[in-house]
C-alpha atoms as a PDB file:
ATOM      1  CA  MET A   1      14.793  13.577 -40.975  1.00  0.00           C
ATOM      2  CA  ALA A   2      11.192  14.182 -39.732  1.00  0.00           C
ATOM      3  CA  LYS A   3       9.966  14.942 -36.269  1.00  0.00           C
ATOM      4  CA  ILE A   4       7.212  12.542 -34.779  1.00  0.00           C
ATOM      5  CA  ALA A   5       4.803  14.116 -33.413  1.00  0.00           C
ATOM      6  CA  VAL A   6       2.885  11.090 -31.609  1.00  0.00           C
ATOM      7  CA  ASP A   7       2.376  12.290 -28.014  1.00  0.00           C
ATOM      8  CA  THR A   8      -0.423  15.228 -29.054  1.00  0.00           C
ATOM      9  CA  GLY A   9      -1.233  15.546 -25.336  1.00  0.00           C
ATOM     10  CA  GLU A  10      -5.066  14.651 -26.327  1.00  0.00           C
ATOM     11  CA  ARG A  11      -5.782  11.172 -26.332  1.00  0.00           C
ATOM     12  CA  LYS A  12      -8.263   9.624 -28.642  1.00  0.00           C
ATOM     13  CA  LEU A  13      -9.466   6.039 -28.583  1.00  0.00           C
ATOM     14  CA  TYR A  14      -8.699   5.711 -32.206  1.00  0.00           C
ATOM     15  CA  TYR A  15      -7.383   7.904 -34.869  1.00  0.00           C
ATOM     16  CA  SER A  16      -7.670   7.823 -38.695  1.00  0.00           C
ATOM     17  CA  ILE A  17      -5.385   6.817 -41.154  1.00  0.00           C
ATOM     18  CA  LYS A  18      -4.995  10.588 -42.194  1.00  0.00           C
ATOM     19  CA  GLU A  19      -4.084  11.616 -38.722  1.00  0.00           C
ATOM     20  CA  VAL A  20      -1.812   8.875 -38.335  1.00  0.00           C
ATOM     21  CA  ALA A  21       0.323   9.797 -41.359  1.00  0.00           C
ATOM     22  CA  ALA A  22       0.464  13.108 -40.347  1.00  0.00           C
ATOM     23  CA  MET A  23       1.790  12.297 -37.014  1.00  0.00           C
ATOM     24  CA  PHE A  24       4.773  10.654 -39.002  1.00  0.00           C
ATOM     25  CA  ASP A  25       4.937  13.067 -41.674  1.00  0.00           C
ATOM     26  CA  VAL A  26       4.371  10.015 -44.346  1.00  0.00           C
ATOM     27  CA  ARG A  27       1.675   9.001 -46.923  1.00  0.00           C
ATOM     28  CA  GLU A  28      -1.309   7.387 -46.098  1.00  0.00           C
ATOM     29  CA  SER A  29      -0.297   4.389 -48.910  1.00  0.00           C
ATOM     30  CA  LEU A  30       2.982   3.867 -47.416  1.00  0.00           C
ATOM     31  CA  LEU A  31       0.648   3.049 -44.044  1.00  0.00           C
ATOM     32  CA  ARG A  32      -1.071   0.776 -45.862  1.00  0.00           C
ATOM     33  CA  TYR A  33       1.843  -0.761 -47.687  1.00  0.00           C
ATOM     34  CA  TRP A  34       3.300  -1.341 -43.931  1.00  0.00           C
ATOM     35  CA  GLU A  35       0.016  -3.199 -42.932  1.00  0.00           C
ATOM     36  CA  LYS A  36       0.681  -5.901 -45.696  1.00  0.00           C
ATOM     37  CA  GLU A  37       4.786  -6.104 -44.612  1.00  0.00           C
ATOM     38  CA  PHE A  38       4.266  -6.345 -40.930  1.00  0.00           C
ATOM     39  CA  PRO A  39       1.584  -8.755 -39.408  1.00  0.00           C
ATOM     40  CA  GLN A  40       1.925  -7.017 -35.959  1.00  0.00           C
ATOM     41  CA  LEU A  41       0.456  -3.866 -37.529  1.00  0.00           C
ATOM     42  CA  HIS A  42      -3.324  -4.290 -37.752  1.00  0.00           C
ATOM     43  CA  PRO A  43      -5.785  -1.500 -37.650  1.00  0.00           C
ATOM     44  CA  LYS A  44      -9.247  -2.023 -36.800  1.00  0.00           C
ATOM     45  CA  THR A  45     -11.266  -1.563 -40.045  1.00  0.00           C
ATOM     46  CA  VAL A  46     -14.956  -0.292 -40.004  1.00  0.00           C
ATOM     47  CA  GLY A  47     -17.080   0.228 -43.129  1.00  0.00           C
ATOM     48  CA  ASN A  48     -15.774   0.486 -46.416  1.00  0.00           C
ATOM     49  CA  ASN A  49     -12.108  -0.448 -45.263  1.00  0.00           C
ATOM     50  CA  VAL A  50     -11.819   2.976 -42.838  1.00  0.00           C
ATOM     51  CA  ARG A  51      -8.859   2.172 -40.631  1.00  0.00           C
ATOM     52  CA  GLN A  52      -8.884   3.017 -37.036  1.00  0.00           C
ATOM     53  CA  TYR A  53      -5.631   2.980 -35.400  1.00  0.00           C
ATOM     54  CA  THR A  54      -5.119   2.584 -31.487  1.00  0.00           C
ATOM     55  CA  ASP A  55      -2.475   3.884 -29.300  1.00  0.00           C
ATOM     56  CA  LYS A  56      -0.901   0.385 -29.598  1.00  0.00           C
ATOM     57  CA  ASP A  57      -1.138   0.691 -33.472  1.00  0.00           C
ATOM     58  CA  ILE A  58       0.579   3.607 -33.448  1.00  0.00           C
ATOM     59  CA  GLU A  59       3.640   2.419 -31.338  1.00  0.00           C
ATOM     60  CA  GLN A  60       4.070  -0.566 -33.448  1.00  0.00           C
ATOM     61  CA  ILE A  61       4.244   2.647 -36.476  1.00  0.00           C
ATOM     62  CA  ARG A  62       6.690   4.648 -34.164  1.00  0.00           C
ATOM     63  CA  LEU A  63       8.830   1.161 -34.276  1.00  0.00           C
ATOM     64  CA  ILE A  64       8.501   0.836 -37.690  1.00  0.00           C
ATOM     65  CA  TYR A  65       9.531   4.190 -38.866  1.00  0.00           C
ATOM     66  CA  ASN A  66      12.463   4.128 -36.537  1.00  0.00           C
ATOM     67  CA  LEU A  67      13.703   0.901 -38.044  1.00  0.00           C
ATOM     68  CA  VAL A  68      13.021   1.595 -41.547  1.00  0.00           C
ATOM     69  CA  LYS A  69      13.155   5.608 -41.839  1.00  0.00           C
ATOM     70  CA  THR A  70      15.722   6.767 -39.223  1.00  0.00           C
ATOM     71  CA  ARG A  71      17.915   3.391 -39.168  1.00  0.00           C
ATOM     72  CA  GLY A  72      17.716   2.809 -42.616  1.00  0.00           C
ATOM     73  CA  PHE A  73      16.498  -1.012 -42.376  1.00  0.00           C
ATOM     74  CA  LYS A  74      15.042  -2.916 -45.348  1.00  0.00           C
ATOM     75  CA  ILE A  75      11.549  -4.021 -44.697  1.00  0.00           C
ATOM     76  CA  ALA A  76      12.633  -7.723 -44.329  1.00  0.00           C
ATOM     77  CA  SER A  77      15.001  -6.552 -41.697  1.00  0.00           C
ATOM     78  CA  ALA A  78      12.665  -4.770 -39.815  1.00  0.00           C
ATOM     79  CA  ARG A  79      10.281  -7.337 -39.736  1.00  0.00           C
ATOM     80  CA  LYS A  80      12.662  -9.473 -38.660  1.00  0.00           C
ATOM     81  CA  MET A  81      14.148  -7.281 -35.999  1.00  0.00           C
ATOM     82  CA  LEU A  82      10.627  -6.502 -35.068  1.00  0.00           C
ATOM     83  CA  SER A  83       9.894 -10.630 -34.367  1.00  0.00           C
ATOM     84  CA  GLU A  84      13.157 -11.759 -33.022  1.00  0.00           C
ATOM     85  CA  ASN A  85      14.057  -8.450 -30.878  1.00  0.00           C
ATOM     86  CA  ARG A  86      11.312  -6.493 -30.161  1.00  0.00           C
ATOM     87  CA  LYS A  87      12.418  -5.385 -27.073  1.00  0.00           C
ATOM     88  CA  GLY A  88      15.911  -4.083 -28.312  1.00  0.00           C
ATOM     89  CA  ALA A  89      14.183  -2.218 -30.935  1.00  0.00           C
ATOM     90  CA  ASP A  90      11.781  -0.587 -28.866  1.00  0.00           C
ATOM     91  CA  ASN A  91      14.456   0.574 -26.535  1.00  0.00           C
ATOM     92  CA  HIS A  92      16.368   1.888 -29.399  1.00  0.00           C
ATOM     93  CA  ALA A  93      13.423   3.621 -31.128  1.00  0.00           C
ATOM     94  CA  ARG A  94      12.781   5.440 -27.206  1.00  0.00           C
ATOM     95  CA  ILE A  95      16.500   6.505 -27.397  1.00  0.00           C
ATOM     96  CA  ILE A  96      16.513   8.080 -30.690  1.00  0.00           C
ATOM     97  CA  ASP A  97      13.646   9.973 -29.896  1.00  0.00           C
ATOM     98  CA  SER A  98      15.148  11.441 -26.718  1.00  0.00           C
ATOM     99  CA  LEU A  99      17.912  12.313 -28.724  1.00  0.00           C
ATOM    100  CA  ILE A 100      15.898  14.056 -31.362  1.00  0.00           C
ATOM    101  CA  THR A 101      14.082  16.045 -28.661  1.00  0.00           C
ATOM    102  CA  VAL A 102      17.079  17.153 -27.016  1.00  0.00           C
ATOM    103  CA  ARG A 103      18.808  17.897 -30.179  1.00  0.00           C
ATOM    104  CA  ASP A 104      15.727  20.154 -31.261  1.00  0.00           C
ATOM    105  CA  GLU A 105      16.002  21.722 -27.720  1.00  0.00           C
ATOM    106  CA  LEU A 106      19.657  22.693 -27.879  1.00  0.00           C
ATOM    107  CA  MET A 107      18.988  24.163 -31.571  1.00  0.00           C
ATOM    108  CA  ALA A 108      16.233  26.383 -29.913  1.00  0.00           C
ATOM    109  CA  LEU A 109      18.401  27.394 -27.383  1.00  0.00           C
ATOM    110  CA  LYS A 110      21.269  27.883 -29.782  1.00  0.00           C
ATOM    111  CA  SER A 111      18.873  30.274 -31.721  1.00  0.00           C
ATOM    112  CA  GLN A 112      17.930  32.298 -28.780  1.00  0.00           C
ATOM    113  CA  ILE A 113      21.563  32.895 -27.700  1.00  0.00           C
ATOM    114  CA  ASP A 114      22.522  33.813 -31.118  1.00  0.00           C
ATOM    115  CA  ASN A 115      19.597  36.414 -31.306  1.00  0.00           C
ATOM    116  CA  LEU A 116      20.917  38.239 -28.148  1.00  0.00           C
END
């Protein structure tokens, strides 16, 4: 499972599609596909269709990623979940992210103990 490195500590007004794809360890083409499938996701486009993602867009992607990649929802089911139960999907995504962080910290501690 890919670790989602969304909180970089450094806040920007806009992120490029390349930066966002790296945050979620996905291809840029997947992000463009999700834009077509999820009406909630609509980054600003400038010039030659250059996408500029805001923190709000990244939050949408985090939810979509959680539903589709982590929980295994089909696109139609994820779209329905986001439109009908946004708050529940958001809470579940936060819980999953917290559990992944705790798991990673426990694994690091185990590794340190094993090296003693």
